[in-house]
């Protein structure tokens, strides 16, 4: 494997000159630059990003921490991040932490050891100690949080969708259609990221003076995903007075709901309307196609990285909170 010394020898320049070119510092003649670039190409020389980072205190790399890589809800967000990362000649390392608070902190510490320039942090659930740790990290290394797990006054940058207002509008849409018994399938309370979605739903119910039957609320662990939605739908549709509409905190829950309806031969939307949340690609592939609240996930990913990049390039920049609107997408289940 070629070294910087080999490049300098082939180009007939000093090692210092090659170092200047690699770091982007110092004025170098175009003819010298061309010779060094030619030598690197001929020798197939690959600069050490880590070594360059030590010299210029930048590695042009970021860390992305999220609960699970296999969750469809993150696919388009990651694609959005990757698009922006590539456009700015950065790289990213993706870490799957689960909802293990110790594992989150372990990965955070590890990424800092690798001298990443910034961190994009996802989490279903809030952990006060880890939030405090992130706040301390952000004093030196930019951090952008991607879920609703921080308080408004906490000094961390944030990019997320307004789950409250978008869910409220979706519930109002069902009410305007004449639906009277609207059920909700939510994640457990420990999953703070989806709490406001349920609160938005409740706000619409209360504003329309609809008595919400406690039997119409079903809670499931996020880890169950489709299975949780399936079981919730079975319980709801076997009530003496079943719902005529079901909203869920995620598309994965909603897909489970539709699977049960199809097996039980309950017609959607004729008998029951269903609305999910996220607008993952599977919404267009299940039958009937799922109506849902779109987060425009690619835009979220791009927005989050662009905010992180601004903070990387402007260390004195104040933290910023960006709340994006959700959009109700009407398909075949409503």
C-alpha atoms as a PDB file:
ATOM      1  CA  UNK A   1       0.000   0.000   0.000  1.00  0.00           C
ATOM      2  CA  UNK A   2       1.414   3.366  -1.046  1.00  0.00           C
ATOM      3  CA  UNK A   3       2.352   6.032   1.489  1.00  0.00           C
ATOM      4  CA  UNK A   4       2.664   9.794   1.444  1.00  0.00           C
ATOM      5  CA  UNK A   5       6.438   9.325   1.081  1.00  0.00           C
ATOM      6  CA  UNK A   6       5.895   7.276  -2.107  1.00  0.00           C
ATOM      7  CA  UNK A   7       3.716  10.050  -3.530  1.00  0.00           C
ATOM      8  CA  UNK A   8       6.313  12.702  -2.710  1.00  0.00           C
ATOM      9  CA  UNK A   9       9.072  10.631  -4.300  1.00  0.00           C
ATOM     10  CA  UNK A  10       7.047   9.928  -7.482  1.00  0.00           C
ATOM     11  CA  UNK A  11       6.038  13.614  -7.834  1.00  0.00           C
ATOM     12  CA  UNK A  12       9.566  14.795  -6.945  1.00  0.00           C
ATOM     13  CA  UNK A  13       8.317  17.114  -4.216  1.00  0.00           C
ATOM     14  CA  UNK A  14       8.665  17.204  -0.433  1.00  0.00           C
ATOM     15  CA  UNK A  15       6.395  15.307   1.969  1.00  0.00           C
ATOM     16  CA  UNK A  16       5.411  18.713   3.389  1.00  0.00           C
ATOM     17  CA  UNK A  17       4.118  19.805  -0.018  1.00  0.00           C
ATOM     18  CA  UNK A  18       1.986  16.666  -0.340  1.00  0.00           C
ATOM     19  CA  UNK A  19       0.636  17.242   3.186  1.00  0.00           C
ATOM     20  CA  UNK A  20      -0.322  20.813   2.305  1.00  0.00           C
ATOM     21  CA  UNK A  21      -2.234  19.619  -0.754  1.00  0.00           C
ATOM     22  CA  UNK A  22      -4.050  16.892   1.189  1.00  0.00           C
ATOM     23  CA  UNK A  23      -5.057  19.306   3.949  1.00  0.00           C
ATOM     24  CA  UNK A  24      -6.075  22.046   1.521  1.00  0.00           C
ATOM     25  CA  UNK A  25      -3.769  24.509   3.262  1.00  0.00           C
ATOM     26  CA  UNK A  26      -1.081  26.686   1.751  1.00  0.00           C
ATOM     27  CA  UNK A  27      -0.602  28.018  -1.776  1.00  0.00           C
ATOM     28  CA  UNK A  28       0.753  25.438  -4.209  1.00  0.00           C
ATOM     29  CA  UNK A  29       1.503  25.978  -7.875  1.00  0.00           C
ATOM     30  CA  UNK A  30      -0.927  24.367 -10.281  1.00  0.00           C
ATOM     31  CA  UNK A  31       1.918  22.460 -11.926  1.00  0.00           C
ATOM     32  CA  UNK A  32       2.909  21.016  -8.534  1.00  0.00           C
ATOM     33  CA  UNK A  33      -0.689  20.155  -7.728  1.00  0.00           C
ATOM     34  CA  UNK A  34      -1.024  18.348 -11.066  1.00  0.00           C
ATOM     35  CA  UNK A  35       2.158  16.336 -10.432  1.00  0.00           C
ATOM     36  CA  UNK A  36       1.004  15.263  -6.981  1.00  0.00           C
ATOM     37  CA  UNK A  37      -2.485  14.333  -8.193  1.00  0.00           C
ATOM     38  CA  UNK A  38      -0.969  12.321 -11.039  1.00  0.00           C
ATOM     39  CA  UNK A  39       1.362  10.511  -8.626  1.00  0.00           C
ATOM     40  CA  UNK A  40      -1.518   9.669  -6.264  1.00  0.00           C
ATOM     41  CA  UNK A  41      -3.537   8.279  -9.172  1.00  0.00           C
ATOM     42  CA  UNK A  42      -0.652   6.191 -10.514  1.00  0.00           C
ATOM     43  CA  UNK A  43       0.143   4.794  -7.066  1.00  0.00           C
ATOM     44  CA  UNK A  44      -3.545   4.341  -6.159  1.00  0.00           C
ATOM     45  CA  UNK A  45      -2.806   6.300  -2.988  1.00  0.00           C
ATOM     46  CA  UNK A  46      -5.693   6.583  -0.545  1.00  0.00           C
ATOM     47  CA  UNK A  47      -5.258   9.389   2.021  1.00  0.00           C
ATOM     48  CA  UNK A  48      -6.026   8.501   5.616  1.00  0.00           C
ATOM     49  CA  UNK A  49      -9.131  10.466   6.557  1.00  0.00           C
ATOM     50  CA  UNK A  50      -8.365   9.903  10.233  1.00  0.00           C
ATOM     51  CA  UNK A  51      -4.826  11.237   9.875  1.00  0.00           C
ATOM     52  CA  UNK A  52      -6.080  14.245   7.930  1.00  0.00           C
ATOM     53  CA  UNK A  53      -8.644  14.829  10.645  1.00  0.00           C
ATOM     54  CA  UNK A  54      -5.925  15.001  13.270  1.00  0.00           C
ATOM     55  CA  UNK A  55      -4.105  17.628  11.223  1.00  0.00           C
ATOM     56  CA  UNK A  56      -7.034  19.873  10.399  1.00  0.00           C
ATOM     57  CA  UNK A  57      -9.338  18.891  13.290  1.00  0.00           C
ATOM     58  CA  UNK A  58     -11.982  17.729  10.801  1.00  0.00           C
ATOM     59  CA  UNK A  59     -12.720  14.253   9.449  1.00  0.00           C
ATOM     60  CA  UNK A  60     -15.625  15.191   7.165  1.00  0.00           C
ATOM     61  CA  UNK A  61     -17.587  12.404   8.806  1.00  0.00           C
ATOM     62  CA  UNK A  62     -20.714  12.266  10.957  1.00  0.00           C
ATOM     63  CA  UNK A  63     -22.373   9.646  13.117  1.00  0.00           C
ATOM     64  CA  UNK A  64     -26.044   8.713  12.826  1.00  0.00           C
ATOM     65  CA  UNK A  65     -27.482   6.952  15.879  1.00  0.00           C
ATOM     66  CA  UNK A  66     -30.927   5.402  15.533  1.00  0.00           C
ATOM     67  CA  UNK A  67     -32.909   2.730  17.386  1.00  0.00           C
ATOM     68  CA  UNK A  68     -33.064   0.207  14.536  1.00  0.00           C
ATOM     69  CA  UNK A  69     -31.815   0.174  10.964  1.00  0.00           C
ATOM     70  CA  UNK A  70     -34.440  -2.305   9.765  1.00  0.00           C
ATOM     71  CA  UNK A  71     -37.391  -0.049  10.636  1.00  0.00           C
ATOM     72  CA  UNK A  72     -38.994   1.087   7.368  1.00  0.00           C
ATOM     73  CA  UNK A  73     -39.662   4.462   8.974  1.00  0.00           C
ATOM     74  CA  UNK A  74     -35.960   5.271   8.858  1.00  0.00           C
ATOM     75  CA  UNK A  75     -35.182   4.158   5.299  1.00  0.00           C
ATOM     76  CA  UNK A  76     -36.099   7.382   3.523  1.00  0.00           C
ATOM     77  CA  UNK A  77     -34.708   9.548   6.316  1.00  0.00           C
ATOM     78  CA  UNK A  78     -31.357   7.802   5.946  1.00  0.00           C
ATOM     79  CA  UNK A  79     -31.539   8.221   2.174  1.00  0.00           C
ATOM     80  CA  UNK A  80     -32.138  11.939   2.653  1.00  0.00           C
ATOM     81  CA  UNK A  81     -29.178  12.192   5.016  1.00  0.00           C
ATOM     82  CA  UNK A  82     -27.002  10.206   2.626  1.00  0.00           C
ATOM     83  CA  UNK A  83     -27.931  12.438  -0.321  1.00  0.00           C
ATOM     84  CA  UNK A  84     -26.918  15.553   1.599  1.00  0.00           C
ATOM     85  CA  UNK A  85     -23.805  13.925   3.072  1.00  0.00           C
ATOM     86  CA  UNK A  86     -22.584  12.844  -0.369  1.00  0.00           C
ATOM     87  CA  UNK A  87     -23.325  16.237  -1.916  1.00  0.00           C
ATOM     88  CA  UNK A  88     -21.007  17.869   0.634  1.00  0.00           C
ATOM     89  CA  UNK A  89     -18.265  15.231   0.348  1.00  0.00           C
ATOM     90  CA  UNK A  90     -18.894  13.844   3.832  1.00  0.00           C
ATOM     91  CA  UNK A  91     -19.247  10.258   5.013  1.00  0.00           C
ATOM     92  CA  UNK A  92     -21.534   8.830   7.680  1.00  0.00           C
ATOM     93  CA  UNK A  93     -21.425   5.944  10.123  1.00  0.00           C
ATOM     94  CA  UNK A  94     -24.808   4.495  11.121  1.00  0.00           C
ATOM     95  CA  UNK A  95     -25.164   2.902  14.577  1.00  0.00           C
ATOM     96  CA  UNK A  96     -28.189   0.869  15.647  1.00  0.00           C
ATOM     97  CA  UNK A  97     -28.661   1.369  19.387  1.00  0.00           C
ATOM     98  CA  UNK A  98     -32.042  -0.195  20.096  1.00  0.00           C
ATOM     99  CA  UNK A  99     -33.715   1.498  23.052  1.00  0.00           C
ATOM    100  CA  UNK A 100     -30.859   0.554  25.352  1.00  0.00           C
ATOM    101  CA  UNK A 101     -29.722   3.735  27.078  1.00  0.00           C
ATOM    102  CA  UNK A 102     -26.322   2.267  27.972  1.00  0.00           C
ATOM    103  CA  UNK A 103     -25.812   1.203  24.360  1.00  0.00           C
ATOM    104  CA  UNK A 104     -26.693   4.718  23.174  1.00  0.00           C
ATOM    105  CA  UNK A 105     -24.051   6.224  25.432  1.00  0.00           C
ATOM    106  CA  UNK A 106     -21.505   3.586  24.404  1.00  0.00           C
ATOM    107  CA  UNK A 107     -21.939   4.443  20.721  1.00  0.00           C
ATOM    108  CA  UNK A 108     -21.814   8.169  21.443  1.00  0.00           C
ATOM    109  CA  UNK A 109     -18.512   7.737  23.250  1.00  0.00           C
ATOM    110  CA  UNK A 110     -17.144   5.522  20.475  1.00  0.00           C
ATOM    111  CA  UNK A 111     -18.059   7.995  17.735  1.00  0.00           C
ATOM    112  CA  UNK A 112     -16.385  10.808  19.653  1.00  0.00           C
ATOM    113  CA  UNK A 113     -13.249   8.655  19.861  1.00  0.00           C
ATOM    114  CA  UNK A 114     -13.297   8.528  16.068  1.00  0.00           C
ATOM    115  CA  UNK A 115     -13.394  12.309  15.984  1.00  0.00           C
ATOM    116  CA  UNK A 116     -16.638  12.660  13.993  1.00  0.00           C
ATOM    117  CA  UNK A 117     -17.518  16.246  13.117  1.00  0.00           C
ATOM    118  CA  UNK A 118     -21.151  15.944  14.212  1.00  0.00           C
ATOM    119  CA  UNK A 119     -23.897  13.622  15.425  1.00  0.00           C
ATOM    120  CA  UNK A 120     -27.487  13.015  14.275  1.00  0.00           C
ATOM    121  CA  UNK A 121     -29.317  11.365  17.158  1.00  0.00           C
ATOM    122  CA  UNK A 122     -32.609   9.437  16.965  1.00  0.00           C
ATOM    123  CA  UNK A 123     -34.365   7.893  19.934  1.00  0.00           C
ATOM    124  CA  UNK A 124     -37.866   6.544  20.585  1.00  0.00           C
ATOM    125  CA  UNK A 125     -37.604   7.196  24.304  1.00  0.00           C
ATOM    126  CA  UNK A 126     -36.215   9.974  26.442  1.00  0.00           C
ATOM    127  CA  UNK A 127     -33.474   9.240  28.949  1.00  0.00           C
ATOM    128  CA  UNK A 128     -32.595  12.211  31.140  1.00  0.00           C
ATOM    129  CA  UNK A 129     -28.977  11.144  31.697  1.00  0.00           C
ATOM    130  CA  UNK A 130     -28.334  10.637  27.990  1.00  0.00           C
ATOM    131  CA  UNK A 131     -29.958  13.979  27.128  1.00  0.00           C
ATOM    132  CA  UNK A 132     -27.679  15.642  29.674  1.00  0.00           C
ATOM    133  CA  UNK A 133     -24.730  13.819  28.075  1.00  0.00           C
ATOM    134  CA  UNK A 134     -25.782  15.036  24.609  1.00  0.00           C
ATOM    135  CA  UNK A 135     -26.006  18.612  25.885  1.00  0.00           C
ATOM    136  CA  UNK A 136     -22.426  18.353  27.152  1.00  0.00           C
ATOM    137  CA  UNK A 137     -21.251  16.817  23.875  1.00  0.00           C
ATOM    138  CA  UNK A 138     -22.917  19.622  21.901  1.00  0.00           C
ATOM    139  CA  UNK A 139     -20.673  22.177  23.600  1.00  0.00           C
ATOM    140  CA  UNK A 140     -17.792  20.871  21.455  1.00  0.00           C
ATOM    141  CA  UNK A 141     -19.295  18.575  18.823  1.00  0.00           C
ATOM    142  CA  UNK A 142     -22.499  19.635  16.997  1.00  0.00           C
ATOM    143  CA  UNK A 143     -25.561  17.477  17.712  1.00  0.00           C
ATOM    144  CA  UNK A 144     -28.975  17.455  16.025  1.00  0.00           C
ATOM    145  CA  UNK A 145     -31.761  15.420  17.621  1.00  0.00           C
ATOM    146  CA  UNK A 146     -34.287  13.854  15.247  1.00  0.00           C
ATOM    147  CA  UNK A 147     -37.174  12.869  17.531  1.00  0.00           C
ATOM    148  CA  UNK A 148     -39.446  14.553  20.043  1.00  0.00           C
ATOM    149  CA  UNK A 149     -37.413  13.532  23.101  1.00  0.00           C
ATOM    150  CA  UNK A 150     -36.010  16.878  24.252  1.00  0.00           C
ATOM    151  CA  UNK A 151     -37.670  19.736  26.069  1.00  0.00           C
ATOM    152  CA  UNK A 152     -38.211  23.080  24.395  1.00  0.00           C
ATOM    153  CA  UNK A 153     -35.713  24.912  26.599  1.00  0.00           C
ATOM    154  CA  UNK A 154     -32.936  22.317  26.364  1.00  0.00           C
ATOM    155  CA  UNK A 155     -29.914  23.624  24.386  1.00  0.00           C
ATOM    156  CA  UNK A 156     -29.913  21.047  21.598  1.00  0.00           C
ATOM    157  CA  UNK A 157     -30.758  21.454  17.936  1.00  0.00           C
ATOM    158  CA  UNK A 158     -33.796  19.554  16.713  1.00  0.00           C
ATOM    159  CA  UNK A 159     -35.473  18.607  13.432  1.00  0.00           C
ATOM    160  CA  UNK A 160     -38.797  16.800  13.490  1.00  0.00           C
ATOM    161  CA  UNK A 161     -42.365  16.838  12.179  1.00  0.00           C
ATOM    162  CA  UNK A 162     -45.198  18.407  14.149  1.00  0.00           C
ATOM    163  CA  UNK A 163     -46.977  15.219  15.168  1.00  0.00           C
ATOM    164  CA  UNK A 164     -49.574  17.077  17.233  1.00  0.00           C
ATOM    165  CA  UNK A 165     -51.037  19.290  14.516  1.00  0.00           C
ATOM    166  CA  UNK A 166     -50.819  16.711  11.749  1.00  0.00           C
ATOM    167  CA  UNK A 167     -52.578  14.066  13.852  1.00  0.00           C
ATOM    168  CA  UNK A 168     -55.201  16.579  14.923  1.00  0.00           C
ATOM    169  CA  UNK A 169     -55.956  17.412  11.274  1.00  0.00           C
ATOM    170  CA  UNK A 170     -56.166  13.728  10.373  1.00  0.00           C
ATOM    171  CA  UNK A 171     -58.613  13.057  13.206  1.00  0.00           C
ATOM    172  CA  UNK A 172     -60.681  16.065  12.141  1.00  0.00           C
ATOM    173  CA  UNK A 173     -60.782  14.652   8.618  1.00  0.00           C
ATOM    174  CA  UNK A 174     -62.332  11.429   9.951  1.00  0.00           C
ATOM    175  CA  UNK A 175     -64.783  13.348  12.110  1.00  0.00           C
ATOM    176  CA  UNK A 176     -65.848  15.444   9.118  1.00  0.00           C
ATOM    177  CA  UNK A 177     -66.506  12.200   7.266  1.00  0.00           C
ATOM    178  CA  UNK A 178     -69.015  11.286   9.976  1.00  0.00           C
ATOM    179  CA  UNK A 179     -66.906   8.822  11.922  1.00  0.00           C
ATOM    180  CA  UNK A 180     -68.073   8.713  15.538  1.00  0.00           C
ATOM    181  CA  UNK A 181     -66.062   5.915  17.168  1.00  0.00           C
ATOM    182  CA  UNK A 182     -62.434   6.535  16.277  1.00  0.00           C
ATOM    183  CA  UNK A 183     -59.914   4.215  17.923  1.00  0.00           C
ATOM    184  CA  UNK A 184     -56.219   4.913  18.405  1.00  0.00           C
ATOM    185  CA  UNK A 185     -53.291   2.489  18.466  1.00  0.00           C
ATOM    186  CA  UNK A 186     -50.337   4.128  20.212  1.00  0.00           C
ATOM    187  CA  UNK A 187     -46.903   3.188  21.423  1.00  0.00           C
ATOM    188  CA  UNK A 188     -46.237   2.811  25.141  1.00  0.00           C
ATOM    189  CA  UNK A 189     -45.799   6.047  27.101  1.00  0.00           C
ATOM    190  CA  UNK A 190     -42.039   5.488  27.357  1.00  0.00           C
ATOM    191  CA  UNK A 191     -41.787   6.155  23.607  1.00  0.00           C
ATOM    192  CA  UNK A 192     -41.868   9.938  23.839  1.00  0.00           C
ATOM    193  CA  UNK A 193     -41.412  10.376  20.084  1.00  0.00           C
ATOM    194  CA  UNK A 194     -45.035   9.432  19.400  1.00  0.00           C
ATOM    195  CA  UNK A 195     -46.756  10.850  22.482  1.00  0.00           C
ATOM    196  CA  UNK A 196     -47.710  14.129  20.815  1.00  0.00           C
ATOM    197  CA  UNK A 197     -49.357  12.257  17.927  1.00  0.00           C
ATOM    198  CA  UNK A 198     -51.855  10.749  20.349  1.00  0.00           C
ATOM    199  CA  UNK A 199     -52.289  14.112  22.071  1.00  0.00           C
ATOM    200  CA  UNK A 200     -53.150  15.727  18.716  1.00  0.00           C
ATOM    201  CA  UNK A 201     -55.732  13.029  18.090  1.00  0.00           C
ATOM    202  CA  UNK A 202     -57.273  13.614  21.535  1.00  0.00           C
ATOM    203  CA  UNK A 203     -57.394  17.371  20.950  1.00  0.00           C
ATOM    204  CA  UNK A 204     -59.581  16.888  17.870  1.00  0.00           C
ATOM    205  CA  UNK A 205     -61.847  14.482  19.736  1.00  0.00           C
ATOM    206  CA  UNK A 206     -62.276  16.915  22.630  1.00  0.00           C
ATOM    207  CA  UNK A 207     -62.830  19.967  20.414  1.00  0.00           C
ATOM    208  CA  UNK A 208     -65.685  18.137  18.696  1.00  0.00           C
ATOM    209  CA  UNK A 209     -67.252  17.157  22.024  1.00  0.00           C
ATOM    210  CA  UNK A 210     -66.892  13.451  21.304  1.00  0.00           C
ATOM    211  CA  UNK A 211     -66.784  11.160  24.325  1.00  0.00           C
ATOM    212  CA  UNK A 212     -63.711   8.980  23.919  1.00  0.00           C
ATOM    213  CA  UNK A 213     -64.354   5.445  25.106  1.00  0.00           C
ATOM    214  CA  UNK A 214     -61.287   4.106  26.931  1.00  0.00           C
ATOM    215  CA  UNK A 215     -61.825   0.753  25.184  1.00  0.00           C
ATOM    216  CA  UNK A 216     -60.897   2.456  21.908  1.00  0.00           C
ATOM    217  CA  UNK A 217     -57.327   3.067  23.026  1.00  0.00           C
ATOM    218  CA  UNK A 218     -54.770   0.296  22.474  1.00  0.00           C
ATOM    219  CA  UNK A 219     -51.107   0.497  23.463  1.00  0.00           C
ATOM    220  CA  UNK A 220     -48.292  -1.603  22.064  1.00  0.00           C
ATOM    221  CA  UNK A 221     -44.547  -1.838  22.345  1.00  0.00           C
ATOM    222  CA  UNK A 222     -42.856  -0.341  19.289  1.00  0.00           C
ATOM    223  CA  UNK A 223     -40.777  -3.490  19.021  1.00  0.00           C
ATOM    224  CA  UNK A 224     -43.871  -5.459  18.005  1.00  0.00           C
ATOM    225  CA  UNK A 225     -44.650  -3.239  15.013  1.00  0.00           C
ATOM    226  CA  UNK A 226     -47.008  -5.107  12.635  1.00  0.00           C
ATOM    227  CA  UNK A 227     -47.897  -7.778  15.180  1.00  0.00           C
ATOM    228  CA  UNK A 228     -48.898  -5.075  17.664  1.00  0.00           C
ATOM    229  CA  UNK A 229     -51.224  -3.459  15.139  1.00  0.00           C
ATOM    230  CA  UNK A 230     -52.733  -6.814  14.219  1.00  0.00           C
ATOM    231  CA  UNK A 231     -53.495  -7.696  17.851  1.00  0.00           C
ATOM    232  CA  UNK A 232     -54.869  -4.228  18.544  1.00  0.00           C
ATOM    233  CA  UNK A 233     -57.251  -4.475  15.577  1.00  0.00           C
ATOM    234  CA  UNK A 234     -58.475  -7.894  16.683  1.00  0.00           C
ATOM    235  CA  UNK A 235     -59.239  -6.587  20.168  1.00  0.00           C
ATOM    236  CA  UNK A 236     -60.945  -3.459  18.841  1.00  0.00           C
ATOM    237  CA  UNK A 237     -63.106  -5.209  16.254  1.00  0.00           C
ATOM    238  CA  UNK A 238     -64.294  -7.762  18.810  1.00  0.00           C
ATOM    239  CA  UNK A 239     -65.703  -5.076  21.102  1.00  0.00           C
ATOM    240  CA  UNK A 240     -69.492  -5.044  21.496  1.00  0.00           C
ATOM    241  CA  UNK A 241     -69.394  -1.620  19.887  1.00  0.00           C
ATOM    242  CA  UNK A 242     -66.372  -1.672  17.532  1.00  0.00           C
ATOM    243  CA  UNK A 243     -64.811   1.463  16.017  1.00  0.00           C
ATOM    244  CA  UNK A 244     -65.675   2.845  12.607  1.00  0.00           C
ATOM    245  CA  UNK A 245     -62.158   4.294  12.193  1.00  0.00           C
ATOM    246  CA  UNK A 246     -58.674   3.556  13.544  1.00  0.00           C
ATOM    247  CA  UNK A 247     -55.697   5.905  13.702  1.00  0.00           C
ATOM    248  CA  UNK A 248     -52.244   4.633  14.585  1.00  0.00           C
ATOM    249  CA  UNK A 249     -48.965   6.139  15.783  1.00  0.00           C
ATOM    250  CA  UNK A 250     -47.036   4.494  12.928  1.00  0.00           C
ATOM    251  CA  UNK A 251     -47.589   2.931   9.520  1.00  0.00           C
ATOM    252  CA  UNK A 252     -46.243  -0.369  10.807  1.00  0.00           C
ATOM    253  CA  UNK A 253     -49.052  -0.500  13.360  1.00  0.00           C
ATOM    254  CA  UNK A 254     -51.539   0.429  10.615  1.00  0.00           C
ATOM    255  CA  UNK A 255     -50.272  -2.331   8.310  1.00  0.00           C
ATOM    256  CA  UNK A 256     -50.906  -4.813  11.107  1.00  0.00           C
ATOM    257  CA  UNK A 257     -54.422  -3.381  11.463  1.00  0.00           C
ATOM    258  CA  UNK A 258     -55.117  -3.850   7.738  1.00  0.00           C
ATOM    259  CA  UNK A 259     -53.744  -7.392   7.815  1.00  0.00           C
ATOM    260  CA  UNK A 260     -56.258  -8.291  10.494  1.00  0.00           C
ATOM    261  CA  UNK A 261     -59.106  -6.617   8.628  1.00  0.00           C
ATOM    262  CA  UNK A 262     -58.277  -8.570   5.474  1.00  0.00           C
ATOM    263  CA  UNK A 263     -58.162 -11.872   7.362  1.00  0.00           C
ATOM    264  CA  UNK A 264     -61.404 -11.114   9.210  1.00  0.00           C
ATOM    265  CA  UNK A 265     -63.059  -9.990   5.937  1.00  0.00           C
ATOM    266  CA  UNK A 266     -63.868  -6.587   7.405  1.00  0.00           C
ATOM    267  CA  UNK A 267     -64.124  -4.110   4.571  1.00  0.00           C
ATOM    268  CA  UNK A 268     -61.761  -1.130   4.580  1.00  0.00           C
ATOM    269  CA  UNK A 269     -62.782   1.679   4.152  1.00  0.00           C
ATOM    270  CA  UNK A 270     -66.492   0.750   3.890  1.00  0.00           C
ATOM    271  CA  UNK A 271     -66.748  -0.514   7.475  1.00  0.00           C
ATOM    272  CA  UNK A 272     -63.612   0.945   9.023  1.00  0.00           C
ATOM    273  CA  UNK A 273     -61.307   3.794   7.987  1.00  0.00           C
ATOM    274  CA  UNK A 274     -57.578   3.467   8.774  1.00  0.00           C
ATOM    275  CA  UNK A 275     -54.914   6.189   8.944  1.00  0.00           C
ATOM    276  CA  UNK A 276     -51.252   5.579   9.758  1.00  0.00           C
ATOM    277  CA  UNK A 277     -48.303   7.883  10.391  1.00  0.00           C
ATOM    278  CA  UNK A 278     -44.968   8.116   8.500  1.00  0.00           C
ATOM    279  CA  UNK A 279     -45.823   7.419   4.826  1.00  0.00           C
ATOM    280  CA  UNK A 280     -43.313   4.603   4.367  1.00  0.00           C
ATOM    281  CA  UNK A 281     -42.988   2.978   0.931  1.00  0.00           C
ATOM    282  CA  UNK A 282     -45.097  -0.020   1.984  1.00  0.00           C
ATOM    283  CA  UNK A 283     -48.179   2.218   2.169  1.00  0.00           C
ATOM    284  CA  UNK A 284     -48.498   1.932  -1.604  1.00  0.00           C
ATOM    285  CA  UNK A 285     -47.927  -1.815  -1.700  1.00  0.00           C
ATOM    286  CA  UNK A 286     -50.447  -3.162   0.790  1.00  0.00           C
ATOM    287  CA  UNK A 287     -54.104  -3.567  -0.177  1.00  0.00           C
ATOM    288  CA  UNK A 288     -55.996  -1.408   0.260  1.00  0.00           C
ATOM    289  CA  UNK A 289     -53.347   1.304  -0.030  1.00  0.00           C
ATOM    290  CA  UNK A 290     -52.837   3.052   3.296  1.00  0.00           C
ATOM    291  CA  UNK A 291     -53.900   6.623   3.998  1.00  0.00           C
ATOM    292  CA  UNK A 292     -51.330   8.176   6.295  1.00  0.00           C
ATOM    293  CA  UNK A 293     -49.615  11.292   7.585  1.00  0.00           C
ATOM    294  CA  UNK A 294     -46.471  11.965   5.586  1.00  0.00           C
ATOM    295  CA  UNK A 295     -43.337  13.212   7.317  1.00  0.00           C
ATOM    296  CA  UNK A 296     -41.534  13.779   3.994  1.00  0.00           C
ATOM    297  CA  UNK A 297     -38.717  11.736   5.447  1.00  0.00           C
ATOM    298  CA  UNK A 298     -36.076  12.481   2.833  1.00  0.00           C
ATOM    299  CA  UNK A 299     -36.582  16.193   3.411  1.00  0.00           C
ATOM    300  CA  UNK A 300     -36.230  15.631   7.159  1.00  0.00           C
ATOM    301  CA  UNK A 301     -32.930  13.817   6.605  1.00  0.00           C
ATOM    302  CA  UNK A 302     -31.560  16.490   4.287  1.00  0.00           C
ATOM    303  CA  UNK A 303     -32.727  19.291   6.600  1.00  0.00           C
ATOM    304  CA  UNK A 304     -31.120  17.643   9.629  1.00  0.00           C
ATOM    305  CA  UNK A 305     -27.745  17.190   7.940  1.00  0.00           C
ATOM    306  CA  UNK A 306     -27.783  20.726   6.511  1.00  0.00           C
ATOM    307  CA  UNK A 307     -28.450  22.110   9.987  1.00  0.00           C
ATOM    308  CA  UNK A 308     -25.656  19.956  11.406  1.00  0.00           C
ATOM    309  CA  UNK A 309     -23.297  21.148   8.669  1.00  0.00           C
ATOM    310  CA  UNK A 310     -24.044  24.787   9.477  1.00  0.00           C
ATOM    311  CA  UNK A 311     -23.120  24.121  13.086  1.00  0.00           C
ATOM    312  CA  UNK A 312     -19.939  22.296  12.059  1.00  0.00           C
ATOM    313  CA  UNK A 313     -18.882  25.230   9.893  1.00  0.00           C
ATOM    314  CA  UNK A 314     -19.997  27.842  12.445  1.00  0.00           C
ATOM    315  CA  UNK A 315     -18.989  26.608  15.923  1.00  0.00           C
ATOM    316  CA  UNK A 316     -20.452  29.698  17.593  1.00  0.00           C
ATOM    317  CA  UNK A 317     -23.888  29.143  16.030  1.00  0.00           C
ATOM    318  CA  UNK A 318     -26.757  28.915  18.505  1.00  0.00           C
ATOM    319  CA  UNK A 319     -28.819  25.726  18.639  1.00  0.00           C
ATOM    320  CA  UNK A 320     -31.913  25.689  16.447  1.00  0.00           C
ATOM    321  CA  UNK A 321     -35.246  23.858  16.525  1.00  0.00           C
ATOM    322  CA  UNK A 322     -36.953  23.165  13.186  1.00  0.00           C
ATOM    323  CA  UNK A 323     -40.516  21.830  13.315  1.00  0.00           C
ATOM    324  CA  UNK A 324     -41.801  20.724   9.916  1.00  0.00           C
ATOM    325  CA  UNK A 325     -45.479  20.252   8.990  1.00  0.00           C
ATOM    326  CA  UNK A 326     -46.908  16.801   8.296  1.00  0.00           C
ATOM    327  CA  UNK A 327     -49.233  16.160   5.361  1.00  0.00           C
ATOM    328  CA  UNK A 328     -52.311  13.933   5.274  1.00  0.00           C
ATOM    329  CA  UNK A 329     -52.068  11.574   2.291  1.00  0.00           C
ATOM    330  CA  UNK A 330     -55.432  10.154   1.278  1.00  0.00           C
ATOM    331  CA  UNK A 331     -55.370   6.712  -0.312  1.00  0.00           C
ATOM    332  CA  UNK A 332     -57.750   3.745  -0.260  1.00  0.00           C
ATOM    333  CA  UNK A 333     -58.260   3.174   3.469  1.00  0.00           C
ATOM    334  CA  UNK A 334     -60.328   6.325   4.073  1.00  0.00           C
END
